[in-house]
């Protein structure tokens, strides 16, 4: 089964102050189509293959609010010279929208785009300046489609920088993720806010995709966990999945495991949110989301204190056949769940009868 790590390349956002511009860096890009994303977010369930196909279609059309034919990019893959020209056009407010759209939609240039973005004078500052325009209207009904589309295109380019090995750490050193946090803490569920939430999570997801203790340390110090928990509560299925993936990658690092297991408040805050998501999977099934949730619980069970906590916080729905059927065809997820229950049972940290009953429900 394909993992979210192969598809976590979607989006990002934020504004870098002038004092950090000269020392800042850049991110990774992905094709983005506002119209196709609207349709996608209405889908209740779809496979990774379908999601991948959607990503290929992103950028095929501009936002319905941007009907000017001049905004339609070339279908051919730009040369390095034309890419540099488009980057230069970001400096001009009159050509910026077209340049952002053309750069963000073309998959053929993204491999080398991040270094060009980062090393061109003032470009990252302008991207973040474009992103911060949404700050002014976050609390008003004026977050219109066209403005959101422009911001998301800028975020796609930032994600390009976050995904590239030569520029990824530059974003951390320049504290760029801090500027994403206003979008992650928004509790508004309207679709415009959901696009910004999802693109912001995509940048963080690109950063943690490669296991790196320094990145995880930065994110923990910057209090990313409460923001991910917020997204897991208010976001749609895609946002919940990416946010849970980020928590999973944080837990992989020993510092991340200690973060959650050293304080009961943190541990129970996480297990409560994940338990609520498991309960909702009965009405809104998602095998990929469930898999990431199980992986988080499994990793937590490496800590004896967490096994004690599971006496009262392990989701009862893990014993529900409806939930278990979601991962029936996923041997890896089933093995994680089995090992989770074994970890709880060993050392008398759980009820043996409960463990045996749950194991008997698992598909063989």
Protein backbone atom coordinates (compact mmCIF):
# COMPACT_ATOMS: atom_id res chain seq x y z
CA UNK A 1 0.00 0.00 0.00
CA UNK A 2 1.35 3.39 -0.93
CA UNK A 3 2.09 5.70 1.95
CA UNK A 4 1.29 9.33 2.45
CA UNK A 5 5.01 10.06 2.33
CA UNK A 6 4.94 9.58 -1.45
CA UNK A 7 2.18 12.11 -1.84
CA UNK A 8 2.82 14.61 0.87
CA UNK A 9 4.15 17.10 -1.70
CA UNK A 10 1.37 19.57 -1.90
CA UNK A 11 1.47 22.99 -0.17
CA UNK A 12 2.88 25.71 2.20
CA UNK A 13 2.79 29.37 3.43
CA UNK A 14 4.16 32.39 5.37
CA UNK A 15 5.84 35.82 5.57
CA UNK A 16 9.49 36.43 6.30
CA UNK A 17 10.53 39.75 7.87
CA UNK A 18 12.99 41.96 6.02
CA UNK A 19 15.68 41.28 8.63
CA UNK A 20 15.66 37.58 7.72
CA UNK A 21 15.43 37.89 3.95
CA UNK A 22 19.14 37.87 3.22
CA UNK A 23 19.61 34.73 5.30
CA UNK A 24 16.43 32.96 4.29
CA UNK A 25 15.73 30.04 1.96
CA UNK A 26 13.11 28.44 -0.26
CA UNK A 27 10.73 25.54 -0.91
CA UNK A 28 9.42 22.85 -3.24
CA UNK A 29 6.67 23.30 -5.83
CA UNK A 30 3.71 21.28 -6.97
CA UNK A 31 1.03 21.79 -9.63
CA UNK A 32 -2.05 23.37 -8.15
CA UNK A 33 -5.53 23.93 -9.56
CA UNK A 34 -8.06 25.68 -7.40
CA UNK A 35 -11.06 24.29 -9.29
CA UNK A 36 -9.90 20.67 -9.16
CA UNK A 37 -9.15 20.97 -5.46
CA UNK A 38 -12.68 22.22 -4.80
CA UNK A 39 -14.04 19.09 -6.41
CA UNK A 40 -11.61 16.89 -4.53
CA UNK A 41 -12.51 18.20 -1.12
CA UNK A 42 -16.11 17.19 -1.82
CA UNK A 43 -15.07 13.56 -2.25
CA UNK A 44 -15.66 11.42 0.81
CA UNK A 45 -13.15 8.69 -0.01
CA UNK A 46 -10.60 8.03 -2.72
CA UNK A 47 -7.46 6.03 -3.22
CA UNK A 48 -3.85 7.18 -3.36
CA UNK A 49 -3.88 6.40 -7.09
CA UNK A 50 -6.83 8.76 -7.56
CA UNK A 51 -5.11 11.36 -5.40
CA UNK A 52 -1.96 11.04 -7.51
CA UNK A 53 -4.01 11.48 -10.68
CA UNK A 54 -5.54 14.59 -9.17
CA UNK A 55 -2.12 16.02 -8.47
CA UNK A 56 -1.24 15.49 -12.13
CA UNK A 57 -4.32 17.51 -13.07
CA UNK A 58 -3.62 20.37 -10.67
CA UNK A 59 -2.91 23.55 -12.50
CA UNK A 60 -4.80 22.45 -15.63
CA UNK A 61 -7.06 25.46 -15.24
CA UNK A 62 -6.83 28.72 -13.33
CA UNK A 63 -9.29 29.82 -10.71
CA UNK A 64 -12.80 30.60 -11.97
CA UNK A 65 -12.27 34.10 -10.63
CA UNK A 66 -9.23 34.58 -12.86
CA UNK A 67 -10.58 34.47 -16.40
CA UNK A 68 -7.94 36.57 -18.13
CA UNK A 69 -6.43 34.53 -20.98
CA UNK A 70 -3.04 36.07 -20.26
CA UNK A 71 -2.96 34.00 -17.07
CA UNK A 72 -2.86 30.70 -18.98
CA UNK A 73 0.71 29.32 -18.87
CA UNK A 74 2.52 27.64 -21.70
CA UNK A 75 1.96 23.90 -22.03
CA UNK A 76 5.59 23.26 -22.87
CA UNK A 77 8.14 22.68 -20.13
CA UNK A 78 9.97 25.96 -19.52
CA UNK A 79 13.72 26.13 -20.04
CA UNK A 80 16.02 27.35 -17.28
CA UNK A 81 16.10 30.74 -18.97
CA UNK A 82 12.32 31.02 -19.09
CA UNK A 83 12.05 29.88 -15.46
CA UNK A 84 14.49 32.59 -14.41
CA UNK A 85 12.41 35.07 -16.40
CA UNK A 86 9.26 33.97 -14.58
CA UNK A 87 11.03 34.29 -11.24
CA UNK A 88 12.05 37.81 -12.25
CA UNK A 89 8.42 38.59 -13.08
CA UNK A 90 7.48 37.93 -9.46
CA UNK A 91 9.09 41.30 -8.67
CA UNK A 92 6.50 43.12 -10.77
CA UNK A 93 3.05 43.33 -9.14
CA UNK A 94 1.47 43.42 -12.62
CA UNK A 95 3.01 40.10 -13.69
CA UNK A 96 3.29 38.39 -10.30
CA UNK A 97 0.00 36.50 -10.45
CA UNK A 98 0.79 34.96 -13.84
CA UNK A 99 4.36 34.12 -12.78
CA UNK A 100 3.24 32.40 -9.57
CA UNK A 101 0.65 30.38 -11.44
CA UNK A 102 3.02 29.35 -14.23
CA UNK A 103 5.80 28.34 -11.85
CA UNK A 104 3.58 26.45 -9.42
CA UNK A 105 1.68 24.46 -12.02
CA UNK A 106 4.55 23.01 -14.07
CA UNK A 107 5.85 19.70 -12.68
CA UNK A 108 8.64 19.51 -15.23
CA UNK A 109 10.67 22.30 -13.60
CA UNK A 110 10.30 21.59 -9.91
CA UNK A 111 13.48 19.47 -9.54
CA UNK A 112 15.71 22.52 -10.01
CA UNK A 113 13.26 25.23 -9.04
CA UNK A 114 14.01 25.39 -5.32
CA UNK A 115 17.65 26.51 -5.62
CA UNK A 116 16.67 29.09 -8.24
CA UNK A 117 13.98 30.49 -5.97
CA UNK A 118 16.20 30.57 -2.93
CA UNK A 119 19.23 32.09 -4.58
CA UNK A 120 17.43 34.79 -6.53
CA UNK A 121 17.50 38.12 -4.69
CA UNK A 122 14.34 38.98 -2.79
CA UNK A 123 12.15 36.22 -4.28
CA UNK A 124 11.40 34.40 -1.03
CA UNK A 125 10.59 37.70 0.63
CA UNK A 126 8.11 38.51 -2.14
CA UNK A 127 6.51 35.05 -1.86
CA UNK A 128 6.04 35.48 1.85
CA UNK A 129 4.80 39.02 1.36
CA UNK A 130 2.18 37.63 -1.01
CA UNK A 131 1.24 35.03 1.58
CA UNK A 132 0.82 37.53 4.37
CA UNK A 133 -1.81 39.41 2.39
CA UNK A 134 -4.21 36.74 3.63
CA UNK A 135 -3.48 37.74 7.23
CA UNK A 136 -5.40 40.97 6.75
CA UNK A 137 -8.61 39.20 5.82
CA UNK A 138 -8.40 36.08 7.97
CA UNK A 139 -11.07 37.41 10.34
CA UNK A 140 -13.31 38.83 7.62
CA UNK A 141 -15.52 37.34 4.88
CA UNK A 142 -13.23 38.80 2.22
CA UNK A 143 -10.97 35.75 1.80
CA UNK A 144 -12.12 35.34 -1.78
CA UNK A 145 -11.19 32.62 -4.24
CA UNK A 146 -8.75 34.64 -6.30
CA UNK A 147 -6.80 35.84 -3.27
CA UNK A 148 -6.67 32.31 -1.89
CA UNK A 149 -5.50 30.98 -5.24
CA UNK A 150 -2.62 33.48 -5.36
CA UNK A 151 -1.57 32.63 -1.81
CA UNK A 152 -1.73 28.88 -2.46
CA UNK A 153 0.40 29.25 -5.60
CA UNK A 154 3.02 31.05 -3.53
CA UNK A 155 2.79 28.29 -0.92
CA UNK A 156 3.36 25.67 -3.58
CA UNK A 157 6.64 27.34 -4.45
CA UNK A 158 7.59 27.45 -0.78
CA UNK A 159 6.86 23.77 -0.51
CA UNK A 160 9.22 23.24 -3.40
CA UNK A 161 11.94 24.79 -1.24
CA UNK A 162 10.90 22.70 1.79
CA UNK A 163 11.18 19.48 -0.19
CA UNK A 164 14.58 20.10 -1.75
CA UNK A 165 17.60 18.72 0.17
CA UNK A 166 19.71 21.78 -0.63
CA UNK A 167 17.18 24.32 0.64
CA UNK A 168 15.13 22.49 3.28
CA UNK A 169 17.24 23.46 6.28
CA UNK A 170 17.37 27.07 5.10
CA UNK A 171 13.68 27.41 5.91
CA UNK A 172 14.28 26.10 9.41
CA UNK A 173 17.22 28.42 10.03
CA UNK A 174 15.15 31.38 8.80
CA UNK A 175 12.20 30.44 11.06
CA UNK A 176 9.85 30.42 8.08
CA UNK A 177 7.44 27.79 9.53
CA UNK A 178 6.35 30.29 12.19
CA UNK A 179 4.57 32.26 9.48
CA UNK A 180 2.41 29.27 8.58
CA UNK A 181 0.94 28.97 12.03
CA UNK A 182 -1.86 31.56 11.70
CA UNK A 183 -3.39 29.38 9.00
CA UNK A 184 -3.02 26.22 11.08
CA UNK A 185 -4.68 27.67 14.15
CA UNK A 186 -7.73 28.94 12.24
CA UNK A 187 -10.86 27.04 13.28
CA UNK A 188 -12.99 28.25 10.37
CA UNK A 189 -14.14 25.26 8.29
CA UNK A 190 -15.02 27.15 5.11
CA UNK A 191 -13.30 25.87 1.99
CA UNK A 192 -11.05 28.91 1.51
CA UNK A 193 -9.58 28.36 4.96
CA UNK A 194 -9.33 24.63 4.31
CA UNK A 195 -7.16 25.25 1.25
CA UNK A 196 -4.81 27.41 3.29
CA UNK A 197 -4.79 24.86 6.12
CA UNK A 198 -3.99 22.02 3.77
CA UNK A 199 -1.24 23.88 1.91
CA UNK A 200 0.37 24.93 5.19
CA UNK A 201 0.31 21.36 6.47
CA UNK A 202 1.88 20.30 3.18
CA UNK A 203 4.94 22.45 3.88
CA UNK A 204 5.38 20.99 7.36
CA UNK A 205 4.80 17.53 5.91
CA UNK A 206 7.54 18.13 3.34
CA UNK A 207 9.92 19.13 6.12
CA UNK A 208 9.30 16.03 8.26
CA UNK A 209 9.10 13.61 5.35
CA UNK A 210 12.84 13.06 5.68
CA UNK A 211 13.56 11.90 9.23
CA UNK A 212 15.67 14.65 10.73
CA UNK A 213 16.09 15.18 14.45
CA UNK A 214 17.01 18.86 14.01
CA UNK A 215 13.81 19.61 12.13
CA UNK A 216 11.69 17.78 14.70
CA UNK A 217 13.43 19.67 17.51
CA UNK A 218 12.65 23.00 15.83
CA UNK A 219 9.00 22.07 15.29
CA UNK A 220 8.57 20.94 18.90
CA UNK A 221 10.17 24.15 20.18
CA UNK A 222 7.87 26.19 17.96
CA UNK A 223 4.79 24.44 19.40
CA UNK A 224 3.64 22.75 16.21
CA UNK A 225 1.88 19.96 18.12
CA UNK A 226 -1.13 21.99 19.40
CA UNK A 227 -1.62 23.33 15.87
CA UNK A 228 -1.60 19.82 14.38
CA UNK A 229 -4.11 18.71 17.02
CA UNK A 230 -6.32 21.66 16.03
CA UNK A 231 -6.16 20.60 12.37
CA UNK A 232 -6.96 17.02 13.35
CA UNK A 233 -10.10 18.30 15.05
CA UNK A 234 -11.43 20.87 12.57
CA UNK A 235 -9.90 19.90 9.21
CA UNK A 236 -11.37 17.69 6.52
CA UNK A 237 -10.14 14.15 5.85
CA UNK A 238 -7.09 15.30 3.90
CA UNK A 239 -6.02 17.82 6.52
CA UNK A 240 -6.56 15.28 9.30
CA UNK A 241 -4.43 12.75 7.43
CA UNK A 242 -1.52 15.13 6.80
CA UNK A 243 -1.62 16.47 10.38
CA UNK A 244 -1.60 12.91 11.75
CA UNK A 245 1.27 12.05 9.43
CA UNK A 246 3.25 14.97 10.88
CA UNK A 247 2.59 13.74 14.43
CA UNK A 248 3.67 10.25 13.34
CA UNK A 249 6.97 11.55 11.96
CA UNK A 250 7.57 13.57 15.13
CA UNK A 251 6.98 10.46 17.24
CA UNK A 252 9.55 8.52 15.22
CA UNK A 253 12.25 10.67 16.81
CA UNK A 254 13.09 9.89 20.45
CA UNK A 255 12.65 13.55 21.35
CA UNK A 256 9.15 13.43 19.94
CA UNK A 257 8.26 10.35 21.97
CA UNK A 258 9.61 11.98 25.13
CA UNK A 259 7.64 15.13 24.36
CA UNK A 260 4.33 13.26 24.51
CA UNK A 261 5.16 10.78 27.26
CA UNK A 262 6.85 13.09 29.77
CA UNK A 263 3.66 14.99 30.58
CA UNK A 264 0.26 13.40 31.06
CA UNK A 265 -1.50 16.46 29.61
CA UNK A 266 0.27 16.08 26.27
CA UNK A 267 -0.25 12.34 26.13
CA UNK A 268 -3.96 12.48 26.86
CA UNK A 269 -4.51 15.47 24.56
CA UNK A 270 -3.10 13.45 21.66
CA UNK A 271 -4.89 10.20 22.48
CA UNK A 272 -8.18 12.06 22.98
CA UNK A 273 -8.00 13.70 19.55
CA UNK A 274 -6.95 10.47 17.84
CA UNK A 275 -9.68 8.56 19.67
CA UNK A 276 -12.27 11.04 18.42
CA UNK A 277 -11.02 10.59 14.86
CA UNK A 278 -11.28 6.81 15.20
CA UNK A 279 -14.88 7.16 16.41
CA UNK A 280 -15.74 9.30 13.38
CA UNK A 281 -14.29 6.75 10.99
CA UNK A 282 -17.44 4.69 11.45
CA UNK A 283 -19.42 7.35 9.56
CA UNK A 284 -16.54 8.66 7.41
CA UNK A 285 -14.23 5.70 6.73
CA UNK A 286 -10.64 6.34 5.70
CA UNK A 287 -8.17 3.47 5.74
CA UNK A 288 -5.15 5.72 5.22
CA UNK A 289 -6.08 7.98 8.15
CA UNK A 290 -6.67 4.94 10.35
CA UNK A 291 -3.27 3.54 9.40
CA UNK A 292 -1.48 6.71 10.52
CA UNK A 293 -3.47 6.77 13.77
CA UNK A 294 -2.53 3.16 14.52
CA UNK A 295 1.12 3.91 13.78
CA UNK A 296 1.03 6.78 16.29
CA UNK A 297 -0.51 4.58 18.99
CA UNK A 298 2.01 1.84 18.22
CA UNK A 299 4.95 4.21 18.59
CA UNK A 300 3.55 5.57 21.86
CA UNK A 301 3.37 2.02 23.21
CA UNK A 302 7.17 1.89 23.18
CA UNK A 303 6.96 3.94 26.37
CA UNK A 304 5.84 2.02 29.51
CA UNK A 305 4.12 5.12 30.88
CA UNK A 306 2.04 5.31 27.71
CA UNK A 307 1.00 1.68 28.14
CA UNK A 308 -0.30 2.62 31.58
CA UNK A 309 -2.25 5.46 30.04
CA UNK A 310 -3.77 3.19 27.42
CA UNK A 311 -5.76 1.49 30.18
CA UNK A 312 -8.17 4.41 29.96
CA UNK A 313 -7.35 6.05 26.63
CA UNK A 314 -7.10 3.29 24.03
CA UNK A 315 -10.02 3.79 21.60
CA UNK A 316 -12.74 1.21 22.17
CA UNK A 317 -13.46 1.33 18.43
CA UNK A 318 -10.26 -0.65 17.85
CA UNK A 319 -12.47 -3.60 18.83
CA UNK A 320 -15.17 -2.65 16.30
CA UNK A 321 -15.33 -4.91 13.25
CA UNK A 322 -16.31 -1.92 11.08
CA UNK A 323 -13.06 -0.18 11.92
CA UNK A 324 -10.94 -3.31 11.65
CA UNK A 325 -12.34 -4.04 8.20
CA UNK A 326 -10.80 -0.79 6.95
CA UNK A 327 -7.33 -2.31 7.31
CA UNK A 328 -8.23 -5.91 6.53
CA UNK A 329 -6.14 -5.80 3.35
CA UNK A 330 -3.22 -3.92 4.92
CA UNK A 331 -0.85 -6.43 6.59
CA UNK A 332 1.43 -3.68 7.85
CA UNK A 333 -1.34 -1.82 9.69
CA UNK A 334 -2.69 -5.08 11.12
CA UNK A 335 0.74 -6.00 12.41
CA UNK A 336 1.12 -2.58 14.05
CA UNK A 337 -2.23 -3.04 15.80
CA UNK A 338 -1.34 -6.54 16.95
CA UNK A 339 2.00 -5.38 18.28
CA UNK A 340 0.36 -2.40 19.98
CA UNK A 341 -1.96 -4.72 21.88
CA UNK A 342 0.90 -7.05 22.76
CA UNK A 343 2.94 -4.11 24.07
CA UNK A 344 0.04 -3.09 26.29
CA UNK A 345 -0.55 -6.63 27.51
CA UNK A 346 3.07 -7.43 28.37
CA UNK A 347 4.18 -6.26 31.78
CA UNK A 348 0.54 -6.38 33.02
CA UNK A 349 -0.08 -2.97 31.53
CA UNK A 350 -3.45 -3.85 30.12
CA UNK A 351 -6.37 -6.17 30.70
CA UNK A 352 -5.44 -9.64 29.34
CA UNK A 353 -9.09 -10.44 28.64
CA UNK A 354 -9.51 -7.22 26.66
CA UNK A 355 -6.37 -7.92 24.64
CA UNK A 356 -7.43 -11.46 23.85
CA UNK A 357 -10.91 -10.32 22.85
CA UNK A 358 -9.53 -7.62 20.56
CA UNK A 359 -6.96 -9.91 18.96
CA UNK A 360 -9.73 -12.41 18.20
CA UNK A 361 -11.51 -9.73 16.15
CA UNK A 362 -8.50 -8.98 13.96
CA UNK A 363 -8.72 -10.42 10.44
CA UNK A 364 -6.47 -13.42 10.06
